[in-house]
Amino acid sequence: MAKKKKSAKKKARRKSTKPRPRGRTIAVKVARPGKIHLTPREEQLLRLVSLGCSVTEVAAILDVAPSTADNHKARLMAKLGTDKAALVTRLAIQYGVSPMTDRLTPAEQRASGRSNDGWN
C-alpha cells in the first residue's frame, strides 16, 4: 500500500506563526450606550439583575438551571465590561432596559419565590 502524502493545506496550517488562544476568550469592551448589541435574552437578564434578583431567582423566572443563569450573567457582565452589580443597574437604566420605576411583575414574583419585600 502506498503512503499518502500530506497535503499542502495541512502543512500550511501547521506552519502558522499565529499563536492560538488557550481555552475560551471573551472580548471585553468598554460599555458605551448604543455601541453594544444585546440579545433579547441578555436584555431580560440585565433587567432582572438590575432589579436585584439573585442567580437562583433569575433561573426560576427564566426557567433555566442556576448554572445556566450564572453563565449568562457572567457573559453579560463581560460584554458590558463590568464585574459590579451596581454598575449593571446603572447601565440597564442608561440603555433603557429598566426604568427607575421598574418592578418585578406578579408572575415573576411568584416564579422567583419573593414575597412583597418592599424592594420589588
C-alpha atoms as a PDB file:
ATOM      1  CA  MET A   1       0.000   0.000   0.000  1.00  0.00           C
ATOM      2  CA  ALA A   2       1.322   3.405  -0.963  1.00  0.00           C
ATOM      3  CA  LYS A   3       1.659   6.073   1.673  1.00  0.00           C
ATOM      4  CA  LYS A   4      -0.419   9.175   1.171  1.00  0.00           C
ATOM      5  CA  LYS A   5       1.468  12.427   1.044  1.00  0.00           C
ATOM      6  CA  LYS A   6       0.399  15.134   3.422  1.00  0.00           C
ATOM      7  CA  SER A   7      -1.465  17.860   1.655  1.00  0.00           C
ATOM      8  CA  ALA A   8      -0.009  21.333   1.326  1.00  0.00           C
ATOM      9  CA  LYS A   9      -3.027  22.679   3.206  1.00  0.00           C
ATOM     10  CA  LYS A  10      -2.163  20.714   6.332  1.00  0.00           C
ATOM     11  CA  LYS A  11       1.478  21.782   6.112  1.00  0.00           C
ATOM     12  CA  ALA A  12       0.464  25.424   5.772  1.00  0.00           C
ATOM     13  CA  ARG A  13      -1.834  25.126   8.749  1.00  0.00           C
ATOM     14  CA  ARG A  14       0.959  23.736  10.897  1.00  0.00           C
ATOM     15  CA  LYS A  15       3.419  26.427   9.904  1.00  0.00           C
ATOM     16  CA  SER A  16       1.163  29.224  11.068  1.00  0.00           C
ATOM     17  CA  THR A  17       3.110  31.637  13.264  1.00  0.00           C
ATOM     18  CA  LYS A  18      -0.006  32.999  14.913  1.00  0.00           C
ATOM     19  CA  PRO A  19      -0.360  31.641  18.465  1.00  0.00           C
ATOM     20  CA  ARG A  20      -3.689  30.010  19.186  1.00  0.00           C
ATOM     21  CA  PRO A  21      -5.580  31.176  22.274  1.00  0.00           C
ATOM     22  CA  ARG A  22      -5.852  28.598  25.029  1.00  0.00           C
ATOM     23  CA  GLY A  23      -9.349  27.964  26.374  1.00  0.00           C
ATOM     24  CA  ARG A  24     -12.210  30.381  25.888  1.00  0.00           C
ATOM     25  CA  THR A  25     -11.613  34.050  25.442  1.00  0.00           C
ATOM     26  CA  ILE A  26     -14.238  36.710  25.963  1.00  0.00           C
ATOM     27  CA  ALA A  27     -13.668  40.078  24.432  1.00  0.00           C
ATOM     28  CA  VAL A  28     -14.272  42.773  26.996  1.00  0.00           C
ATOM     29  CA  LYS A  29     -15.249  46.125  25.548  1.00  0.00           C
ATOM     30  CA  VAL A  30     -15.807  49.401  27.289  1.00  0.00           C
ATOM     31  CA  ALA A  31     -19.525  49.920  27.815  1.00  0.00           C
ATOM     32  CA  ARG A  32     -20.828  52.833  25.792  1.00  0.00           C
ATOM     33  CA  PRO A  33     -24.508  53.474  25.113  1.00  0.00           C
ATOM     34  CA  GLY A  34     -25.507  52.438  21.614  1.00  0.00           C
ATOM     35  CA  LYS A  35     -22.246  50.589  20.929  1.00  0.00           C
ATOM     36  CA  ILE A  36     -23.099  47.172  22.418  1.00  0.00           C
ATOM     37  CA  HIS A  37     -25.791  44.991  20.906  1.00  0.00           C
ATOM     38  CA  LEU A  38     -27.759  42.961  23.448  1.00  0.00           C
ATOM     39  CA  THR A  39     -29.875  39.971  22.515  1.00  0.00           C
ATOM     40  CA  PRO A  40     -33.435  39.784  23.891  1.00  0.00           C
ATOM     41  CA  ARG A  41     -32.317  37.153  26.434  1.00  0.00           C
ATOM     42  CA  GLU A  42     -29.448  39.388  27.565  1.00  0.00           C
ATOM     43  CA  GLU A  43     -31.906  42.265  27.976  1.00  0.00           C
ATOM     44  CA  GLN A  44     -34.154  40.040  30.137  1.00  0.00           C
ATOM     45  CA  LEU A  45     -31.212  39.033  32.268  1.00  0.00           C
ATOM     46  CA  LEU A  46     -29.949  42.624  32.507  1.00  0.00           C
ATOM     47  CA  ARG A  47     -33.371  43.763  33.714  1.00  0.00           C
ATOM     48  CA  LEU A  48     -33.638  41.026  36.341  1.00  0.00           C
ATOM     49  CA  VAL A  49     -30.099  41.557  37.642  1.00  0.00           C
ATOM     50  CA  SER A  50     -30.683  45.305  37.793  1.00  0.00           C
ATOM     51  CA  LEU A  51     -33.788  44.652  39.899  1.00  0.00           C
ATOM     52  CA  GLY A  52     -31.637  42.848  42.448  1.00  0.00           C
ATOM     53  CA  CYS A  53     -32.544  39.245  41.644  1.00  0.00           C
ATOM     54  CA  SER A  54     -30.071  36.568  42.657  1.00  0.00           C
ATOM     55  CA  VAL A  55     -28.897  33.897  40.231  1.00  0.00           C
ATOM     56  CA  THR A  56     -31.330  31.345  41.686  1.00  0.00           C
ATOM     57  CA  GLU A  57     -34.228  33.794  41.333  1.00  0.00           C
ATOM     58  CA  VAL A  58     -33.230  34.604  37.744  1.00  0.00           C
ATOM     59  CA  ALA A  59     -33.039  30.867  37.000  1.00  0.00           C
ATOM     60  CA  ALA A  60     -36.528  30.309  38.418  1.00  0.00           C
ATOM     61  CA  ILE A  61     -38.009  33.230  36.470  1.00  0.00           C
ATOM     62  CA  LEU A  62     -36.376  32.271  33.153  1.00  0.00           C
ATOM     63  CA  ASP A  63     -36.960  28.534  33.768  1.00  0.00           C
ATOM     64  CA  VAL A  64     -33.310  27.534  33.329  1.00  0.00           C
ATOM     65  CA  ALA A  65     -30.743  25.855  35.563  1.00  0.00           C
ATOM     66  CA  PRO A  66     -28.948  28.114  38.076  1.00  0.00           C
ATOM     67  CA  SER A  67     -25.600  27.328  36.431  1.00  0.00           C
ATOM     68  CA  THR A  68     -27.001  28.465  33.064  1.00  0.00           C
ATOM     69  CA  ALA A  69     -28.263  31.697  34.594  1.00  0.00           C
ATOM     70  CA  ASP A  70     -24.863  32.240  36.218  1.00  0.00           C
ATOM     71  CA  ASN A  71     -23.103  31.681  32.880  1.00  0.00           C
ATOM     72  CA  HIS A  72     -25.467  34.114  31.138  1.00  0.00           C
ATOM     73  CA  LYS A  73     -24.827  36.675  33.861  1.00  0.00           C
ATOM     74  CA  ALA A  74     -21.039  36.276  33.623  1.00  0.00           C
ATOM     75  CA  ARG A  75     -21.080  36.665  29.842  1.00  0.00           C
ATOM     76  CA  LEU A  76     -23.376  39.682  30.060  1.00  0.00           C
ATOM     77  CA  MET A  77     -21.166  41.380  32.618  1.00  0.00           C
ATOM     78  CA  ALA A  78     -18.093  40.649  30.482  1.00  0.00           C
ATOM     79  CA  LYS A  79     -19.871  42.062  27.437  1.00  0.00           C
ATOM     80  CA  LEU A  80     -20.744  45.207  29.390  1.00  0.00           C
ATOM     81  CA  GLY A  81     -17.186  45.430  30.700  1.00  0.00           C
ATOM     82  CA  THR A  82     -18.000  45.335  34.398  1.00  0.00           C
ATOM     83  CA  ASP A  83     -17.931  42.995  37.357  1.00  0.00           C
ATOM     84  CA  LYS A  84     -20.072  45.089  39.704  1.00  0.00           C
ATOM     85  CA  ALA A  85     -23.827  44.644  40.094  1.00  0.00           C
ATOM     86  CA  ALA A  86     -24.330  48.335  40.882  1.00  0.00           C
ATOM     87  CA  LEU A  87     -22.794  49.286  37.550  1.00  0.00           C
ATOM     88  CA  VAL A  88     -25.002  46.722  35.796  1.00  0.00           C
ATOM     89  CA  THR A  89     -28.023  48.502  37.274  1.00  0.00           C
ATOM     90  CA  ARG A  90     -26.719  51.848  36.110  1.00  0.00           C
ATOM     91  CA  LEU A  91     -26.110  50.508  32.590  1.00  0.00           C
ATOM     92  CA  ALA A  92     -29.609  48.950  32.485  1.00  0.00           C
ATOM     93  CA  ILE A  93     -31.094  52.373  33.183  1.00  0.00           C
ATOM     94  CA  GLN A  94     -28.724  54.042  30.717  1.00  0.00           C
ATOM     95  CA  TYR A  95     -29.606  51.564  27.916  1.00  0.00           C
ATOM     96  CA  GLY A  96     -33.323  51.961  28.639  1.00  0.00           C
ATOM     97  CA  VAL A  97     -33.778  48.288  29.514  1.00  0.00           C
ATOM     98  CA  SER A  98     -35.031  49.019  33.014  1.00  0.00           C
ATOM     99  CA  PRO A  99     -36.570  52.366  34.003  1.00  0.00           C
ATOM    100  CA  MET A 100     -36.143  53.734  37.512  1.00  0.00           C
ATOM    101  CA  THR A 101     -39.712  52.748  38.459  1.00  0.00           C
ATOM    102  CA  ASP A 102     -39.429  49.165  37.138  1.00  0.00           C
ATOM    103  CA  ARG A 103     -40.561  46.311  39.389  1.00  0.00           C
ATOM    104  CA  LEU A 104     -40.941  42.560  39.057  1.00  0.00           C
ATOM    105  CA  THR A 105     -44.283  41.552  37.593  1.00  0.00           C
ATOM    106  CA  PRO A 106     -46.571  39.448  39.823  1.00  0.00           C
ATOM    107  CA  ALA A 107     -45.790  36.375  37.695  1.00  0.00           C
ATOM    108  CA  GLU A 108     -42.052  36.993  38.101  1.00  0.00           C
ATOM    109  CA  GLN A 109     -42.501  37.418  41.862  1.00  0.00           C
ATOM    110  CA  ARG A 110     -44.347  34.093  42.073  1.00  0.00           C
ATOM    111  CA  ALA A 111     -41.714  32.304  39.971  1.00  0.00           C
ATOM    112  CA  SER A 112     -38.817  33.739  41.966  1.00  0.00           C
ATOM    113  CA  GLY A 113     -40.393  32.912  45.325  1.00  0.00           C
ATOM    114  CA  ARG A 114     -40.171  36.509  46.534  1.00  0.00           C
ATOM    115  CA  SER A 115     -42.838  37.980  48.689  1.00  0.00           C
ATOM    116  CA  ASN A 116     -43.691  41.647  48.742  1.00  0.00           C
ATOM    117  CA  ASP A 117     -40.433  42.583  50.456  1.00  0.00           C
ATOM    118  CA  GLY A 118     -40.604  46.269  49.605  1.00  0.00           C
ATOM    119  CA  TRP A 119     -37.699  46.022  47.193  1.00  0.00           C
ATOM    120  CA  ASN A 120     -39.556  44.643  44.185  1.00  0.00           C
END
